[in-house]
Amino acid sequence: MADLQFPFPAPPEAVWNALPAGVDAVRGHGPHYDAQRGLLSTRTGTTWRSWGQEIVAQVSPAPGGSTLTVRTSLKFGVVDWGEGKKLCTRFGDAVAGALGLTPPAR
């Protein structure tokens, strides 16, 4: 389980339009877009290493641009062994790339 925020110097509409890049980056299935609330939800599939994760991304206005908040939660289990943070980071970095921005160094 993870919760990361990514500030962007872009309007919320631009960040919203870049969310499909994040879904693709995490290999999300069945994305649901709720433009009224600025929420996207998707899920990852089951692999030999994971039961998968639920991912919720929210775009909100912020001074000088917008903020993307990405949260993950396990579909099944208690400990994700860092998978959630990796997915959040991959999602945020893909959105940054779609906006033509360089992801922050980690």
Protein backbone atom coordinates (compact mmCIF):
# COMPACT_ATOMS: atom_id res chain seq x y z
CA MET A 1 0.00 0.00 0.00
CA ALA A 2 1.35 3.36 -0.99
CA ASP A 3 0.26 6.97 -1.36
CA LEU A 4 2.44 9.37 -3.37
CA GLN A 5 1.88 12.94 -4.59
CA PHE A 6 3.33 14.40 -7.77
CA PRO A 7 3.19 18.20 -8.28
CA PHE A 8 3.00 19.32 -11.92
CA PRO A 9 3.37 22.83 -13.40
CA ALA A 10 0.45 22.06 -15.70
CA PRO A 11 -3.29 22.68 -15.44
CA PRO A 12 -5.44 19.84 -14.09
CA GLU A 13 -6.99 19.26 -17.55
CA ALA A 14 -3.57 18.55 -19.06
CA VAL A 15 -2.66 16.14 -16.26
CA TRP A 16 -6.06 14.44 -16.58
CA ASN A 17 -5.48 13.92 -20.31
CA ALA A 18 -2.08 12.34 -19.55
CA LEU A 19 -3.49 9.69 -17.16
CA PRO A 20 -3.83 6.98 -19.85
CA ALA A 21 0.00 6.95 -20.04
CA GLY A 22 0.06 6.04 -16.34
CA VAL A 23 -2.49 3.28 -16.85
CA ASP A 24 -0.38 1.85 -19.68
CA ALA A 25 2.81 2.08 -17.59
CA VAL A 26 1.36 -0.07 -14.80
CA ARG A 27 -0.46 -2.36 -17.25
CA GLY A 28 -3.77 -1.36 -15.73
CA HIS A 29 -6.96 -3.24 -16.55
CA GLY A 30 -10.46 -1.81 -16.90
CA PRO A 31 -9.70 1.83 -16.10
CA HIS A 32 -12.68 3.85 -14.88
CA TYR A 33 -12.51 7.61 -15.39
CA ASP A 34 -14.66 9.92 -13.25
CA ALA A 35 -13.99 13.38 -14.68
CA GLN A 36 -16.48 15.06 -12.33
CA ARG A 37 -14.41 14.09 -9.28
CA GLY A 38 -11.03 13.97 -11.04
CA LEU A 39 -10.60 10.29 -10.14
CA LEU A 40 -9.29 7.35 -12.11
CA SER A 41 -9.33 3.78 -10.85
CA THR A 42 -7.69 0.74 -12.39
CA ARG A 43 -6.18 -2.54 -11.25
CA THR A 44 -3.17 -4.62 -12.06
CA GLY A 45 -3.35 -8.28 -12.93
CA THR A 46 -2.29 -11.30 -10.94
CA THR A 47 1.25 -12.58 -11.52
CA TRP A 48 3.41 -15.24 -9.94
CA ARG A 49 4.73 -12.51 -7.60
CA SER A 50 1.55 -10.60 -6.80
CA TRP A 51 -2.20 -10.91 -6.38
CA GLY A 52 -2.42 -7.49 -7.99
CA GLN A 53 -3.17 -3.99 -6.77
CA GLU A 54 -6.03 -1.52 -6.96
CA ILE A 55 -4.81 1.91 -8.10
CA VAL A 56 -6.64 5.21 -7.62
CA ALA A 57 -5.30 8.43 -9.10
CA GLN A 58 -6.73 11.86 -8.31
CA VAL A 59 -5.95 15.13 -10.07
CA SER A 60 -6.52 18.31 -8.10
CA PRO A 61 -5.71 21.99 -8.67
CA ALA A 62 -2.71 23.37 -6.82
CA PRO A 63 -0.85 26.69 -6.76
CA GLY A 64 1.14 26.93 -9.98
CA GLY A 65 -0.46 23.88 -11.59
CA SER A 66 -1.91 20.67 -10.23
CA THR A 67 -1.21 17.70 -7.99
CA LEU A 68 -1.56 14.05 -8.93
CA THR A 69 -2.13 11.74 -5.96
CA VAL A 70 -1.67 8.03 -6.64
CA ARG A 71 -2.78 5.43 -4.08
CA THR A 72 -2.46 1.68 -4.23
CA SER A 73 -4.03 -1.06 -2.16
CA LEU A 74 -3.71 -4.81 -2.28
CA LYS A 75 -6.46 -6.88 -3.85
CA PHE A 76 -5.53 -9.65 -1.44
CA GLY A 77 -2.96 -9.81 1.34
CA VAL A 78 -1.45 -7.61 4.00
CA VAL A 79 2.10 -6.70 2.90
CA ASP A 80 2.99 -5.56 -0.61
CA TRP A 81 6.80 -5.64 -0.19
CA GLY A 82 7.21 -2.25 -1.90
CA GLU A 83 5.17 -3.10 -4.99
CA GLY A 84 2.67 -0.29 -4.31
CA LYS A 85 5.36 2.39 -4.14
CA LYS A 86 6.93 1.11 -7.37
CA LEU A 87 3.56 1.23 -9.12
CA CYS A 88 2.84 4.76 -7.85
CA THR A 89 6.25 5.93 -9.02
CA ARG A 90 5.89 4.26 -12.42
CA PHE A 91 2.42 5.81 -12.85
CA GLY A 92 3.56 9.33 -11.89
CA ASP A 93 6.69 9.14 -14.04
CA ALA A 94 4.65 8.05 -17.08
CA VAL A 95 2.24 10.96 -16.61
CA ALA A 96 5.23 13.33 -16.35
CA GLY A 97 6.64 11.90 -19.57
CA ALA A 98 3.30 12.31 -21.35
CA LEU A 99 3.32 15.97 -20.28
CA GLY A 100 6.82 16.39 -21.70
CA LEU A 101 8.35 16.77 -18.23
CA THR A 102 11.35 14.97 -16.81
CA PRO A 103 10.45 12.75 -13.83
CA PRO A 104 12.27 13.71 -10.63
CA ALA A 105 15.51 11.88 -9.84
CA ARG A 106 15.19 9.24 -7.15
